[in-house]
Amino acid sequence: MTNNMQYKKALANVLYYQALAMNKAELQPVLFFEELTTDFWTVQQCRIQYVKDQLEFIEDGNIDDDIEETWKKVFNNEEQVT
């Protein structure tokens, strides 16, 4: 497995566990579908679609600036963590 695919799968795993902590009413507003459509979906279908939507959102470069800022905070911090 390539590193890119491994990271994508790891991210999907994190997103899925995030979705597990959400109920259907919390998921519906953040899905890329109208709520009228998702009204007929199970909570599991909403959770899976949440993961797919979030991965697509990230892959389309929508949070590149946020990702860069977070990366710098975590890995370029000059202060020693004790």
PDB file of N, CA and C in Angstrom:
ATOM      1  N   MET A   1       0.843  -1.169   0.000  1.00  0.00           N
ATOM      2  CA  MET A   1       0.000   0.000   0.000  1.00  0.00           C
ATOM      3  C   MET A   1       0.900   1.248   0.000  1.00  0.00           C
ATOM      4  N   THR A   2       0.567   2.203  -0.836  1.00  0.00           N
ATOM      5  CA  THR A   2       1.348   3.428  -0.897  1.00  0.00           C
ATOM      6  C   THR A   2       1.078   4.267   0.357  1.00  0.00           C
ATOM      7  N   ASN A   3       2.021   5.143   0.667  1.00  0.00           N
ATOM      8  CA  ASN A   3       1.835   6.021   1.828  1.00  0.00           C
ATOM      9  C   ASN A   3       0.599   6.887   1.679  1.00  0.00           C
ATOM     10  N   ASN A   4       0.366   7.407   0.460  1.00  0.00           N
ATOM     11  CA  ASN A   4      -0.812   8.245   0.250  1.00  0.00           C
ATOM     12  C   ASN A   4      -2.102   7.494   0.550  1.00  0.00           C
ATOM     13  N   MET A   5      -2.186   6.270   0.085  1.00  0.00           N
ATOM     14  CA  MET A   5      -3.392   5.476   0.324  1.00  0.00           C
ATOM     15  C   MET A   5      -3.517   5.139   1.806  1.00  0.00           C
ATOM     16  N   GLN A   6      -2.400   4.860   2.454  1.00  0.00           N
ATOM     17  CA  GLN A   6      -2.435   4.550   3.883  1.00  0.00           C
ATOM     18  C   GLN A   6      -2.936   5.769   4.676  1.00  0.00           C
ATOM     19  N   TYR A   7      -2.445   6.962   4.333  1.00  0.00           N
ATOM     20  CA  TYR A   7      -2.900   8.169   5.021  1.00  0.00           C
ATOM     21  C   TYR A   7      -4.371   8.449   4.732  1.00  0.00           C
ATOM     22  N   LYS A   8      -4.797   8.213   3.512  1.00  0.00           N
ATOM     23  CA  LYS A   8      -6.203   8.432   3.164  1.00  0.00           C
ATOM     24  C   LYS A   8      -7.100   7.481   3.954  1.00  0.00           C
ATOM     25  N   LYS A   9      -6.674   6.240   4.070  1.00  0.00           N
ATOM     26  CA  LYS A   9      -7.453   5.269   4.842  1.00  0.00           C
ATOM     27  C   LYS A   9      -7.464   5.634   6.324  1.00  0.00           C
ATOM     28  N   ALA A  10      -6.339   6.112   6.828  1.00  0.00           N
ATOM     29  CA  ALA A  10      -6.275   6.528   8.230  1.00  0.00           C
ATOM     30  C   ALA A  10      -7.198   7.722   8.471  1.00  0.00           C
ATOM     31  N   LEU A  11      -7.199   8.671   7.547  1.00  0.00           N
ATOM     32  CA  LEU A  11      -8.086   9.826   7.666  1.00  0.00           C
ATOM     33  C   LEU A  11      -9.547   9.388   7.606  1.00  0.00           C
ATOM     34  N   ALA A  12      -9.865   8.477   6.707  1.00  0.00           N
ATOM     35  CA  ALA A  12     -11.233   7.958   6.617  1.00  0.00           C
ATOM     36  C   ALA A  12     -11.631   7.305   7.936  1.00  0.00           C
ATOM     37  N   ASN A  13     -10.713   6.612   8.558  1.00  0.00           N
ATOM     38  CA  ASN A  13     -10.977   5.975   9.843  1.00  0.00           C
ATOM     39  C   ASN A  13     -11.271   7.024  10.922  1.00  0.00           C
ATOM     40  N   VAL A  14     -10.468   8.072  10.974  1.00  0.00           N
ATOM     41  CA  VAL A  14     -10.684   9.142  11.945  1.00  0.00           C
ATOM     42  C   VAL A  14     -12.030   9.824  11.692  1.00  0.00           C
ATOM     43  N   LEU A  15     -12.324  10.108  10.438  1.00  0.00           N
ATOM     44  CA  LEU A  15     -13.602  10.744  10.102  1.00  0.00           C
ATOM     45  C   LEU A  15     -14.787   9.851  10.459  1.00  0.00           C
ATOM     46  N   TYR A  16     -14.636   8.554  10.235  1.00  0.00           N
ATOM     47  CA  TYR A  16     -15.720   7.635  10.552  1.00  0.00           C
ATOM     48  C   TYR A  16     -15.983   7.619  12.061  1.00  0.00           C
ATOM     49  N   TYR A  17     -14.902   7.570  12.849  1.00  0.00           N
ATOM     50  CA  TYR A  17     -15.093   7.592  14.301  1.00  0.00           C
ATOM     51  C   TYR A  17     -15.681   8.919  14.762  1.00  0.00           C
ATOM     52  N   GLN A  18     -15.349   9.995  14.083  1.00  0.00           N
ATOM     53  CA  GLN A  18     -15.960  11.284  14.368  1.00  0.00           C
ATOM     54  C   GLN A  18     -17.463  11.210  14.068  1.00  0.00           C
ATOM     55  N   ALA A  19     -17.804  10.594  12.947  1.00  0.00           N
ATOM     56  CA  ALA A  19     -19.206  10.464  12.556  1.00  0.00           C
ATOM     57  C   ALA A  19     -19.989   9.580  13.529  1.00  0.00           C
ATOM     58  N   LEU A  20     -19.322   8.591  14.103  1.00  0.00           N
ATOM     59  CA  LEU A  20     -19.999   7.723  15.068  1.00  0.00           C
ATOM     60  C   LEU A  20     -20.468   8.501  16.300  1.00  0.00           C
ATOM     61  N   ALA A  21     -19.792   9.588  16.601  1.00  0.00           N
ATOM     62  CA  ALA A  21     -20.164  10.406  17.756  1.00  0.00           C
ATOM     63  C   ALA A  21     -21.299  11.371  17.425  1.00  0.00           C
ATOM     64  N   MET A  22     -21.743  11.368  16.173  1.00  0.00           N
ATOM     65  CA  MET A  22     -22.783  12.288  15.724  1.00  0.00           C
ATOM     66  C   MET A  22     -24.073  11.524  15.442  1.00  0.00           C
ATOM     67  N   ASN A  23     -25.190  12.155  15.740  1.00  0.00           N
ATOM     68  CA  ASN A  23     -26.462  11.540  15.380  1.00  0.00           C
ATOM     69  C   ASN A  23     -26.894  12.061  14.007  1.00  0.00           C
ATOM     70  N   LYS A  24     -27.989  11.549  13.522  1.00  0.00           N
ATOM     71  CA  LYS A  24     -28.446  11.900  12.177  1.00  0.00           C
ATOM     72  C   LYS A  24     -28.719  13.400  12.036  1.00  0.00           C
ATOM     73  N   ALA A  25     -29.309  13.984  13.053  1.00  0.00           N
ATOM     74  CA  ALA A  25     -29.626  15.414  13.001  1.00  0.00           C
ATOM     75  C   ALA A  25     -28.355  16.269  12.928  1.00  0.00           C
ATOM     76  N   GLU A  26     -27.276  15.806  13.512  1.00  0.00           N
ATOM     77  CA  GLU A  26     -26.006  16.530  13.446  1.00  0.00           C
ATOM     78  C   GLU A  26     -25.307  16.326  12.106  1.00  0.00           C
ATOM     79  N   LEU A  27     -25.502  15.168  11.527  1.00  0.00           N
ATOM     80  CA  LEU A  27     -24.848  14.843  10.257  1.00  0.00           C
ATOM     81  C   LEU A  27     -25.524  15.511   9.059  1.00  0.00           C
ATOM     82  N   GLN A  28     -26.827  15.543   9.057  1.00  0.00           N
ATOM     83  CA  GLN A  28     -27.559  16.026   7.884  1.00  0.00           C
ATOM     84  C   GLN A  28     -27.132  17.406   7.383  1.00  0.00           C
ATOM     85  N   PRO A  29     -26.930  18.394   8.241  1.00  0.00           N
ATOM     86  CA  PRO A  29     -26.559  19.723   7.733  1.00  0.00           C
ATOM     87  C   PRO A  29     -25.173  19.787   7.090  1.00  0.00           C
ATOM     88  N   VAL A  30     -24.304  18.835   7.384  1.00  0.00           N
ATOM     89  CA  VAL A  30     -22.946  18.880   6.837  1.00  0.00           C
ATOM     90  C   VAL A  30     -22.742  17.938   5.654  1.00  0.00           C
ATOM     91  N   LEU A  31     -23.778  17.212   5.288  1.00  0.00           N
ATOM     92  CA  LEU A  31     -23.684  16.346   4.117  1.00  0.00           C
ATOM     93  C   LEU A  31     -23.869  17.177   2.852  1.00  0.00           C
ATOM     94  N   PHE A  32     -23.341  16.695   1.751  1.00  0.00           N
ATOM     95  CA  PHE A  32     -23.429  17.407   0.478  1.00  0.00           C
ATOM     96  C   PHE A  32     -24.733  17.072  -0.261  1.00  0.00           C
ATOM     97  N   PHE A  33     -25.746  16.680   0.473  1.00  0.00           N
ATOM     98  CA  PHE A  33     -27.066  16.368  -0.073  1.00  0.00           C
ATOM     99  C   PHE A  33     -28.107  17.192   0.673  1.00  0.00           C
ATOM    100  N   GLU A  34     -29.222  17.449   0.019  1.00  0.00           N
ATOM    101  CA  GLU A  34     -30.329  18.145   0.669  1.00  0.00           C
ATOM    102  C   GLU A  34     -30.868  17.289   1.817  1.00  0.00           C
ATOM    103  N   GLU A  35     -31.304  17.940   2.863  1.00  0.00           N
ATOM    104  CA  GLU A  35     -31.856  17.201   4.002  1.00  0.00           C
ATOM    105  C   GLU A  35     -33.093  16.395   3.603  1.00  0.00           C
ATOM    106  N   LEU A  36     -33.851  16.887   2.626  1.00  0.00           N
ATOM    107  CA  LEU A  36     -35.015  16.122   2.161  1.00  0.00           C
ATOM    108  C   LEU A  36     -34.601  14.769   1.616  1.00  0.00           C
ATOM    109  N   THR A  37     -33.458  14.719   0.973  1.00  0.00           N
ATOM    110  CA  THR A  37     -32.935  13.448   0.451  1.00  0.00           C
ATOM    111  C   THR A  37     -32.494  12.555   1.595  1.00  0.00           C
ATOM    112  N   THR A  38     -31.742  13.134   2.534  1.00  0.00           N
ATOM    113  CA  THR A  38     -31.171  12.324   3.610  1.00  0.00           C
ATOM    114  C   THR A  38     -32.190  11.947   4.676  1.00  0.00           C
ATOM    115  N   ASP A  39     -33.364  12.546   4.646  1.00  0.00           N
ATOM    116  CA  ASP A  39     -34.420  12.148   5.588  1.00  0.00           C
ATOM    117  C   ASP A  39     -34.733  10.660   5.471  1.00  0.00           C
ATOM    118  N   PHE A  40     -34.562  10.120   4.300  1.00  0.00           N
ATOM    119  CA  PHE A  40     -34.892   8.716   4.054  1.00  0.00           C
ATOM    120  C   PHE A  40     -33.707   7.782   4.289  1.00  0.00           C
ATOM    121  N   TRP A  41     -32.571   8.321   4.663  1.00  0.00           N
ATOM    122  CA  TRP A  41     -31.364   7.528   4.906  1.00  0.00           C
ATOM    123  C   TRP A  41     -31.300   7.083   6.360  1.00  0.00           C
ATOM    124  N   THR A  42     -30.609   5.972   6.584  1.00  0.00           N
ATOM    125  CA  THR A  42     -30.326   5.539   7.951  1.00  0.00           C
ATOM    126  C   THR A  42     -29.177   6.376   8.489  1.00  0.00           C
ATOM    127  N   VAL A  43     -29.003   6.346   9.793  1.00  0.00           N
ATOM    128  CA  VAL A  43     -27.876   7.072  10.381  1.00  0.00           C
ATOM    129  C   VAL A  43     -26.551   6.509   9.856  1.00  0.00           C
ATOM    130  N   GLN A  44     -26.485   5.208   9.614  1.00  0.00           N
ATOM    131  CA  GLN A  44     -25.265   4.590   9.080  1.00  0.00           C
ATOM    132  C   GLN A  44     -24.964   5.115   7.668  1.00  0.00           C
ATOM    133  N   GLN A  45     -25.976   5.257   6.849  1.00  0.00           N
ATOM    134  CA  GLN A  45     -25.775   5.810   5.506  1.00  0.00           C
ATOM    135  C   GLN A  45     -25.264   7.253   5.597  1.00  0.00           C
ATOM    136  N   CYS A  46     -25.795   8.010   6.541  1.00  0.00           N
ATOM    137  CA  CYS A  46     -25.345   9.391   6.730  1.00  0.00           C
ATOM    138  C   CYS A  46     -23.880   9.419   7.184  1.00  0.00           C
ATOM    139  N   ARG A  47     -23.521   8.530   8.068  1.00  0.00           N
ATOM    140  CA  ARG A  47     -22.133   8.483   8.552  1.00  0.00           C
ATOM    141  C   ARG A  47     -21.160   8.152   7.425  1.00  0.00           C
ATOM    142  N   ILE A  48     -21.513   7.190   6.613  1.00  0.00           N
ATOM    143  CA  ILE A  48     -20.648   6.811   5.492  1.00  0.00           C
ATOM    144  C   ILE A  48     -20.543   7.961   4.496  1.00  0.00           C
ATOM    145  N   GLN A  49     -21.661   8.601   4.215  1.00  0.00           N
ATOM    146  CA  GLN A  49     -21.631   9.725   3.275  1.00  0.00           C
ATOM    147  C   GLN A  49     -20.830  10.887   3.845  1.00  0.00           C
ATOM    148  N   TYR A  50     -20.883  11.086   5.145  1.00  0.00           N
ATOM    149  CA  TYR A  50     -20.092  12.124   5.801  1.00  0.00           C
ATOM    150  C   TYR A  50     -18.607  11.910   5.524  1.00  0.00           C
ATOM    151  N   VAL A  51     -18.146  10.688   5.690  1.00  0.00           N
ATOM    152  CA  VAL A  51     -16.733  10.377   5.437  1.00  0.00           C
ATOM    153  C   VAL A  51     -16.389  10.668   3.979  1.00  0.00           C
ATOM    154  N   LYS A  52     -17.212  10.210   3.061  1.00  0.00           N
ATOM    155  CA  LYS A  52     -16.961  10.440   1.636  1.00  0.00           C
ATOM    156  C   LYS A  52     -16.950  11.931   1.311  1.00  0.00           C
ATOM    157  N   ASP A  53     -17.914  12.667   1.849  1.00  0.00           N
ATOM    158  CA  ASP A  53     -17.994  14.106   1.584  1.00  0.00           C
ATOM    159  C   ASP A  53     -16.785  14.842   2.134  1.00  0.00           C
ATOM    160  N   GLN A  54     -16.384  14.503   3.352  1.00  0.00           N
ATOM    161  CA  GLN A  54     -15.240  15.183   3.953  1.00  0.00           C
ATOM    162  C   GLN A  54     -13.948  14.882   3.197  1.00  0.00           C
ATOM    163  N   LEU A  55     -13.762  13.637   2.777  1.00  0.00           N
ATOM    164  CA  LEU A  55     -12.573  13.293   1.989  1.00  0.00           C
ATOM    165  C   LEU A  55     -12.558  14.072   0.667  1.00  0.00           C
ATOM    166  N   GLU A  56     -13.700  14.157   0.019  1.00  0.00           N
ATOM    167  CA  GLU A  56     -13.797  14.907  -1.234  1.00  0.00           C
ATOM    168  C   GLU A  56     -13.490  16.391  -1.001  1.00  0.00           C
ATOM    169  N   PHE A  57     -14.032  16.935   0.065  1.00  0.00           N
ATOM    170  CA  PHE A  57     -13.816  18.341   0.414  1.00  0.00           C
ATOM    171  C   PHE A  57     -12.325  18.615   0.608  1.00  0.00           C
ATOM    172  N   ILE A  58     -11.648  17.732   1.301  1.00  0.00           N
ATOM    173  CA  ILE A  58     -10.211  17.872   1.551  1.00  0.00           C
ATOM    174  C   ILE A  58      -9.426  17.708   0.256  1.00  0.00           C
ATOM    175  N   GLU A  59      -9.752  16.688  -0.531  1.00  0.00           N
ATOM    176  CA  GLU A  59      -9.030  16.424  -1.783  1.00  0.00           C
ATOM    177  C   GLU A  59      -9.171  17.564  -2.783  1.00  0.00           C
ATOM    178  N   ASP A  60     -10.271  18.282  -2.711  1.00  0.00           N
ATOM    179  CA  ASP A  60     -10.493  19.407  -3.624  1.00  0.00           C
ATOM    180  C   ASP A  60      -9.738  20.663  -3.197  1.00  0.00           C
ATOM    181  N   GLY A  61      -8.956  20.566  -2.116  1.00  0.00           N
ATOM    182  CA  GLY A  61      -8.102  21.671  -1.692  1.00  0.00           C
ATOM    183  C   GLY A  61      -8.794  22.748  -0.893  1.00  0.00           C
ATOM    184  N   ASN A  62      -9.952  22.448  -0.365  1.00  0.00           N
ATOM    185  CA  ASN A  62     -10.732  23.462   0.335  1.00  0.00           C
ATOM    186  C   ASN A  62     -10.172  23.875   1.694  1.00  0.00           C
ATOM    187  N   ILE A  63      -9.315  23.059   2.271  1.00  0.00           N
ATOM    188  CA  ILE A  63      -8.776  23.419   3.585  1.00  0.00           C
ATOM    189  C   ILE A  63      -7.244  23.433   3.590  1.00  0.00           C
ATOM    190  N   ASP A  64      -6.651  23.653   2.430  1.00  0.00           N
ATOM    191  CA  ASP A  64      -5.190  23.646   2.337  1.00  0.00           C
ATOM    192  C   ASP A  64      -4.533  24.625   3.299  1.00  0.00           C
ATOM    193  N   ASP A  65      -5.071  25.826   3.423  1.00  0.00           N
ATOM    194  CA  ASP A  65      -4.492  26.826   4.328  1.00  0.00           C
ATOM    195  C   ASP A  65      -4.585  26.376   5.785  1.00  0.00           C
ATOM    196  N   ASP A  66      -5.729  25.825   6.156  1.00  0.00           N
ATOM    197  CA  ASP A  66      -5.897  25.328   7.526  1.00  0.00           C
ATOM    198  C   ASP A  66      -4.950  24.167   7.813  1.00  0.00           C
ATOM    199  N   ILE A  67      -4.801  23.282   6.847  1.00  0.00           N
ATOM    200  CA  ILE A  67      -3.902  22.140   7.014  1.00  0.00           C
ATOM    201  C   ILE A  67      -2.479  22.625   7.235  1.00  0.00           C
ATOM    202  N   GLU A  68      -2.062  23.577   6.441  1.00  0.00           N
ATOM    203  CA  GLU A  68      -0.698  24.113   6.556  1.00  0.00           C
ATOM    204  C   GLU A  68      -0.493  24.772   7.917  1.00  0.00           C
ATOM    205  N   GLU A  69      -1.460  25.542   8.362  1.00  0.00           N
ATOM    206  CA  GLU A  69      -1.363  26.215   9.657  1.00  0.00           C
ATOM    207  C   GLU A  69      -1.274  25.200  10.798  1.00  0.00           C
ATOM    208  N   THR A  70      -2.098  24.180  10.756  1.00  0.00           N
ATOM    209  CA  THR A  70      -2.065  23.139  11.781  1.00  0.00           C
ATOM    210  C   THR A  70      -0.740  22.398  11.767  1.00  0.00           C
ATOM    211  N   TRP A  71      -0.256  22.063  10.574  1.00  0.00           N
ATOM    212  CA  TRP A  71       1.020  21.358  10.450  1.00  0.00           C
ATOM    213  C   TRP A  71       2.144  22.161  11.108  1.00  0.00           C
ATOM    214  N   LYS A  72       2.156  23.451  10.845  1.00  0.00           N
ATOM    215  CA  LYS A  72       3.189  24.314  11.426  1.00  0.00           C
ATOM    216  C   LYS A  72       3.067  24.372  12.943  1.00  0.00           C
ATOM    217  N   LYS A  73       1.852  24.448  13.446  1.00  0.00           N
ATOM    218  CA  LYS A  73       1.651  24.477  14.894  1.00  0.00           C
ATOM    219  C   LYS A  73       2.174  23.202  15.549  1.00  0.00           C
ATOM    220  N   VAL A  74       1.914  22.083  14.915  1.00  0.00           N
ATOM    221  CA  VAL A  74       2.270  20.802  15.514  1.00  0.00           C
ATOM    222  C   VAL A  74       3.742  20.472  15.332  1.00  0.00           C
ATOM    223  N   PHE A  75       4.305  20.709  14.142  1.00  0.00           N
ATOM    224  CA  PHE A  75       5.639  20.223  13.842  1.00  0.00           C
ATOM    225  C   PHE A  75       6.719  21.287  13.743  1.00  0.00           C
ATOM    226  N   ASN A  76       6.349  22.550  13.712  1.00  0.00           N
ATOM    227  CA  ASN A  76       7.359  23.606  13.619  1.00  0.00           C
ATOM    228  C   ASN A  76       7.408  24.462  14.873  1.00  0.00           C
ATOM    229  N   ASN A  77       6.866  23.938  15.945  1.00  0.00           N
ATOM    230  CA  ASN A  77       6.860  24.672  17.196  1.00  0.00           C
ATOM    231  C   ASN A  77       8.274  24.663  17.769  1.00  0.00           C
ATOM    232  N   GLU A  78       8.843  25.836  17.979  1.00  0.00           N
ATOM    233  CA  GLU A  78      10.211  25.939  18.461  1.00  0.00           C
ATOM    234  C   GLU A  78      10.301  25.719  19.983  1.00  0.00           C
ATOM    235  N   GLU A  79       9.189  25.853  20.681  1.00  0.00           N
ATOM    236  CA  GLU A  79       9.194  25.620  22.116  1.00  0.00           C
ATOM    237  C   GLU A  79       9.251  24.131  22.384  1.00  0.00           C
ATOM    238  N   GLN A  80       9.970  23.759  23.402  1.00  0.00           N
ATOM    239  CA  GLN A  80      10.063  22.358  23.803  1.00  0.00           C
ATOM    240  C   GLN A  80       8.819  21.978  24.590  1.00  0.00           C
ATOM    241  N   VAL A  81       8.250  20.875  24.272  1.00  0.00           N
ATOM    242  CA  VAL A  81       7.102  20.372  25.012  1.00  0.00           C
ATOM    243  C   VAL A  81       7.643  19.493  26.132  1.00  0.00           C
ATOM    244  N   THR A  82       7.209  19.758  27.340  1.00  0.00           N
ATOM    245  CA  THR A  82       7.704  18.970  28.471  1.00  0.00           C
ATOM    246  C   THR A  82       6.620  18.144  29.072  1.00  0.00           C
TER     247      THR A  82
END
